[in-house]
Amino acid sequence: MAGWVYIMASRMHGTLYIGVTSDLPRRAWEHREGIIPGFTSKYGCKRLVWSEEFSEISDAIQREKSLKRWPRAWKIALIEKTNPRWVDLYDTLNM
């Protein structure tokens, strides 16, 4: 099963959330709509700013764990490498 690692943000350089899922469009929608109570709804992390796809969910889980240990500056650099303006990528997902 394929998997995704993704980063949601409250705003540019705001609060960050790193997650993993097998269905990125559905999961990003859940964050945007605040469907599931928790960290992202509490801190307003509704903007999908970065994602990476893996052919195996186990690889995605490992990458998520690795990214969560990174310093914040590295996470910001990762986002800005492909999304310097922190544009919400939700609308670019192939639904």
N, C-alpha and C. Protein backbone atom coordinates (compact mmCIF):
# COMPACT_ATOMS: atom_id res chain seq x y z
N MET A 1 0.84 -1.18 0.00
CA MET A 1 0.00 0.00 0.00
C MET A 1 0.89 1.25 0.00
N ALA A 2 0.53 2.21 -0.82
CA ALA A 2 1.27 3.46 -0.91
C ALA A 2 0.96 4.36 0.28
N GLY A 3 1.82 5.32 0.52
CA GLY A 3 1.62 6.24 1.63
C GLY A 3 2.19 7.61 1.33
N TRP A 4 1.75 8.57 2.11
CA TRP A 4 2.19 9.96 1.99
C TRP A 4 2.65 10.46 3.35
N VAL A 5 3.69 11.28 3.33
CA VAL A 5 4.07 12.09 4.48
C VAL A 5 3.72 13.51 4.08
N TYR A 6 3.17 14.28 5.00
CA TYR A 6 2.74 15.63 4.64
C TYR A 6 2.95 16.58 5.81
N ILE A 7 3.00 17.86 5.47
CA ILE A 7 3.09 18.90 6.50
C ILE A 7 1.94 19.88 6.30
N MET A 8 1.21 20.10 7.38
CA MET A 8 0.15 21.11 7.42
C MET A 8 0.68 22.28 8.24
N ALA A 9 0.28 23.49 7.89
CA ALA A 9 0.73 24.69 8.61
C ALA A 9 -0.45 25.60 8.89
N SER A 10 -0.32 26.38 9.95
CA SER A 10 -1.36 27.36 10.29
C SER A 10 -1.24 28.60 9.40
N ARG A 11 -0.02 28.92 9.02
CA ARG A 11 0.28 30.07 8.16
C ARG A 11 1.77 29.98 7.82
N MET A 12 2.26 30.91 7.04
CA MET A 12 3.69 30.92 6.72
C MET A 12 4.50 31.06 8.00
N HIS A 13 5.42 30.14 8.22
CA HIS A 13 6.27 30.10 9.41
C HIS A 13 5.48 29.95 10.70
N GLY A 14 4.25 29.43 10.59
CA GLY A 14 3.41 29.23 11.76
C GLY A 14 3.59 27.84 12.36
N THR A 15 2.57 27.37 13.02
CA THR A 15 2.58 26.05 13.63
C THR A 15 2.59 24.98 12.55
N LEU A 16 3.42 23.95 12.74
CA LEU A 16 3.55 22.87 11.77
C LEU A 16 3.04 21.56 12.36
N TYR A 17 2.45 20.74 11.48
CA TYR A 17 2.02 19.39 11.85
C TYR A 17 2.52 18.44 10.77
N ILE A 18 3.18 17.36 11.18
CA ILE A 18 3.66 16.35 10.26
C ILE A 18 2.83 15.10 10.46
N GLY A 19 2.31 14.56 9.36
CA GLY A 19 1.48 13.36 9.45
C GLY A 19 1.79 12.38 8.34
N VAL A 20 1.16 11.23 8.42
CA VAL A 20 1.30 10.18 7.42
C VAL A 20 -0.09 9.63 7.12
N THR A 21 -0.34 9.27 5.87
CA THR A 21 -1.65 8.76 5.47
C THR A 21 -1.53 7.94 4.20
N SER A 22 -2.53 7.12 3.94
CA SER A 22 -2.59 6.40 2.67
C SER A 22 -3.50 7.12 1.68
N ASP A 23 -4.20 8.15 2.14
CA ASP A 23 -5.14 8.90 1.28
C ASP A 23 -4.98 10.40 1.57
N LEU A 24 -4.04 11.03 0.87
CA LEU A 24 -3.72 12.43 1.15
C LEU A 24 -4.89 13.39 0.90
N PRO A 25 -5.61 13.28 -0.21
CA PRO A 25 -6.73 14.23 -0.39
C PRO A 25 -7.76 14.16 0.73
N ARG A 26 -8.12 12.94 1.15
CA ARG A 26 -9.10 12.80 2.23
C ARG A 26 -8.56 13.37 3.53
N ARG A 27 -7.32 13.04 3.86
CA ARG A 27 -6.74 13.48 5.14
C ARG A 27 -6.56 14.99 5.18
N ALA A 28 -6.10 15.57 4.07
CA ALA A 28 -5.94 17.03 4.03
C ALA A 28 -7.30 17.71 4.18
N TRP A 29 -8.33 17.15 3.56
CA TRP A 29 -9.68 17.70 3.69
C TRP A 29 -10.14 17.64 5.15
N GLU A 30 -9.87 16.52 5.83
CA GLU A 30 -10.25 16.39 7.24
C GLU A 30 -9.57 17.46 8.09
N HIS A 31 -8.30 17.73 7.82
CA HIS A 31 -7.60 18.79 8.56
C HIS A 31 -8.22 20.15 8.25
N ARG A 32 -8.47 20.43 6.98
CA ARG A 32 -9.03 21.73 6.58
C ARG A 32 -10.39 21.99 7.23
N GLU A 33 -11.19 20.95 7.31
CA GLU A 33 -12.56 21.09 7.83
C GLU A 33 -12.64 20.94 9.34
N GLY A 34 -11.54 20.55 9.98
CA GLY A 34 -11.54 20.35 11.43
C GLY A 34 -12.40 19.19 11.87
N ILE A 35 -12.52 18.18 11.02
CA ILE A 35 -13.39 17.03 11.27
C ILE A 35 -12.96 16.25 12.51
N ILE A 36 -11.66 16.05 12.66
CA ILE A 36 -11.15 15.25 13.76
C ILE A 36 -10.51 16.17 14.80
N PRO A 37 -11.04 16.16 16.03
CA PRO A 37 -10.45 17.01 17.06
C PRO A 37 -9.00 16.60 17.35
N GLY A 38 -8.19 17.57 17.65
CA GLY A 38 -6.79 17.27 17.96
C GLY A 38 -5.90 18.46 17.68
N PHE A 39 -4.62 18.17 17.48
CA PHE A 39 -3.60 19.20 17.33
C PHE A 39 -3.91 20.17 16.19
N THR A 40 -4.22 19.63 15.00
CA THR A 40 -4.40 20.52 13.85
C THR A 40 -5.62 21.42 13.99
N SER A 41 -6.69 20.90 14.56
CA SER A 41 -7.86 21.77 14.74
C SER A 41 -7.61 22.78 15.85
N LYS A 42 -6.90 22.38 16.90
CA LYS A 42 -6.60 23.29 18.01
C LYS A 42 -5.71 24.45 17.57
N TYR A 43 -4.71 24.17 16.73
CA TYR A 43 -3.74 25.18 16.32
C TYR A 43 -3.98 25.74 14.91
N GLY A 44 -5.07 25.35 14.28
CA GLY A 44 -5.43 25.92 12.98
C GLY A 44 -4.53 25.51 11.82
N CYS A 45 -3.98 24.33 11.88
CA CYS A 45 -3.11 23.84 10.79
C CYS A 45 -3.99 23.30 9.67
N LYS A 46 -4.37 24.18 8.75
CA LYS A 46 -5.30 23.83 7.68
C LYS A 46 -4.69 23.94 6.29
N ARG A 47 -3.45 24.37 6.22
CA ARG A 47 -2.80 24.62 4.93
C ARG A 47 -1.80 23.49 4.63
N LEU A 48 -2.04 22.73 3.57
CA LEU A 48 -1.11 21.68 3.14
C LEU A 48 0.05 22.37 2.41
N VAL A 49 1.24 22.29 2.99
CA VAL A 49 2.38 23.04 2.43
C VAL A 49 3.48 22.15 1.85
N TRP A 50 3.42 20.84 2.14
CA TRP A 50 4.45 19.94 1.64
C TRP A 50 3.95 18.51 1.72
N SER A 51 4.35 17.68 0.75
CA SER A 51 4.03 16.25 0.82
C SER A 51 5.04 15.46 0.02
N GLU A 52 5.15 14.20 0.37
CA GLU A 52 6.06 13.29 -0.31
C GLU A 52 5.38 11.92 -0.38
N GLU A 53 5.36 11.32 -1.57
CA GLU A 53 4.71 10.02 -1.76
C GLU A 53 5.72 8.88 -1.69
N PHE A 54 5.27 7.76 -1.14
CA PHE A 54 6.08 6.55 -1.04
C PHE A 54 5.29 5.37 -1.57
N SER A 55 5.97 4.42 -2.17
CA SER A 55 5.28 3.24 -2.69
C SER A 55 4.83 2.30 -1.57
N GLU A 56 5.49 2.37 -0.43
CA GLU A 56 5.13 1.55 0.72
C GLU A 56 4.83 2.43 1.93
N ILE A 57 3.72 2.14 2.61
CA ILE A 57 3.34 2.93 3.78
C ILE A 57 4.40 2.85 4.87
N SER A 58 5.08 1.73 4.97
CA SER A 58 6.12 1.59 6.00
C SER A 58 7.25 2.59 5.78
N ASP A 59 7.58 2.86 4.52
CA ASP A 59 8.60 3.86 4.22
C ASP A 59 8.12 5.26 4.58
N ALA A 60 6.84 5.53 4.35
CA ALA A 60 6.26 6.83 4.72
C ALA A 60 6.28 7.02 6.23
N ILE A 61 5.97 5.97 6.97
CA ILE A 61 5.98 6.05 8.43
C ILE A 61 7.39 6.33 8.93
N GLN A 62 8.37 5.67 8.35
CA GLN A 62 9.76 5.90 8.75
C GLN A 62 10.18 7.34 8.47
N ARG A 63 9.80 7.86 7.31
CA ARG A 63 10.14 9.25 6.95
C ARG A 63 9.46 10.23 7.91
N GLU A 64 8.20 9.96 8.25
CA GLU A 64 7.49 10.83 9.20
C GLU A 64 8.23 10.88 10.54
N LYS A 65 8.62 9.74 11.04
CA LYS A 65 9.34 9.69 12.31
C LYS A 65 10.65 10.46 12.23
N SER A 66 11.33 10.34 11.10
CA SER A 66 12.59 11.06 10.91
C SER A 66 12.36 12.56 10.90
N LEU A 67 11.36 13.02 10.12
CA LEU A 67 11.08 14.45 10.02
C LEU A 67 10.68 15.05 11.37
N LYS A 68 9.96 14.30 12.17
CA LYS A 68 9.54 14.82 13.47
C LYS A 68 10.72 15.08 14.40
N ARG A 69 11.85 14.42 14.14
CA ARG A 69 13.05 14.63 14.96
C ARG A 69 13.90 15.80 14.43
N TRP A 70 13.60 16.29 13.24
CA TRP A 70 14.38 17.38 12.66
C TRP A 70 14.17 18.68 13.44
N PRO A 71 15.18 19.55 13.46
CA PRO A 71 14.98 20.90 14.00
C PRO A 71 13.97 21.67 13.13
N ARG A 72 13.27 22.59 13.74
CA ARG A 72 12.26 23.38 13.03
C ARG A 72 12.84 24.06 11.78
N ALA A 73 14.04 24.59 11.88
CA ALA A 73 14.65 25.28 10.73
C ALA A 73 14.80 24.35 9.53
N TRP A 74 15.11 23.10 9.76
CA TRP A 74 15.24 22.14 8.66
C TRP A 74 13.87 21.87 8.02
N LYS A 75 12.83 21.80 8.84
CA LYS A 75 11.48 21.58 8.32
C LYS A 75 11.06 22.76 7.44
N ILE A 76 11.34 23.95 7.91
CA ILE A 76 11.00 25.15 7.13
C ILE A 76 11.77 25.16 5.82
N ALA A 77 13.05 24.81 5.86
CA ALA A 77 13.85 24.75 4.63
C ALA A 77 13.30 23.70 3.67
N LEU A 78 12.83 22.57 4.18
CA LEU A 78 12.24 21.53 3.34
C LEU A 78 11.00 22.06 2.63
N ILE A 79 10.15 22.74 3.35
CA ILE A 79 8.93 23.32 2.76
C ILE A 79 9.32 24.35 1.70
N GLU A 80 10.22 25.26 2.05
CA GLU A 80 10.54 26.38 1.17
C GLU A 80 11.35 25.97 -0.07
N LYS A 81 11.92 24.77 -0.03
CA LYS A 81 12.64 24.28 -1.20
C LYS A 81 11.69 24.10 -2.40
N THR A 82 10.47 23.63 -2.14
CA THR A 82 9.51 23.41 -3.22
C THR A 82 8.30 24.33 -3.16
N ASN A 83 8.10 25.01 -2.02
CA ASN A 83 6.94 25.87 -1.84
C ASN A 83 7.34 27.13 -1.07
N PRO A 84 8.15 27.99 -1.69
CA PRO A 84 8.71 29.15 -0.98
C PRO A 84 7.66 30.14 -0.47
N ARG A 85 6.49 30.17 -1.08
CA ARG A 85 5.45 31.11 -0.65
C ARG A 85 4.42 30.46 0.27
N TRP A 86 4.65 29.20 0.62
CA TRP A 86 3.76 28.45 1.51
C TRP A 86 2.33 28.42 0.99
N VAL A 87 2.19 28.25 -0.30
CA VAL A 87 0.87 28.17 -0.94
C VAL A 87 0.18 26.89 -0.47
N ASP A 88 -1.11 26.96 -0.24
CA ASP A 88 -1.88 25.77 0.13
C ASP A 88 -1.96 24.85 -1.09
N LEU A 89 -1.41 23.66 -0.97
CA LEU A 89 -1.34 22.72 -2.08
C LEU A 89 -2.59 21.84 -2.21
N TYR A 90 -3.55 22.04 -1.35
CA TYR A 90 -4.75 21.20 -1.37
C TYR A 90 -5.42 21.19 -2.75
N ASP A 91 -5.55 22.34 -3.37
CA ASP A 91 -6.23 22.43 -4.66
C ASP A 91 -5.46 21.76 -5.79
N THR A 92 -4.19 21.44 -5.57
CA THR A 92 -3.40 20.78 -6.60
C THR A 92 -3.49 19.26 -6.51
N LEU A 93 -4.13 18.75 -5.45
CA LEU A 93 -4.28 17.30 -5.31
C LEU A 93 -5.24 16.77 -6.36
N ASN A 94 -4.92 15.63 -6.91
CA ASN A 94 -5.77 15.00 -7.90
C ASN A 94 -6.88 14.26 -7.18
N MET A 95 -8.04 14.84 -7.14
CA MET A 95 -9.14 14.26 -6.37
C MET A 95 -9.80 13.15 -7.14
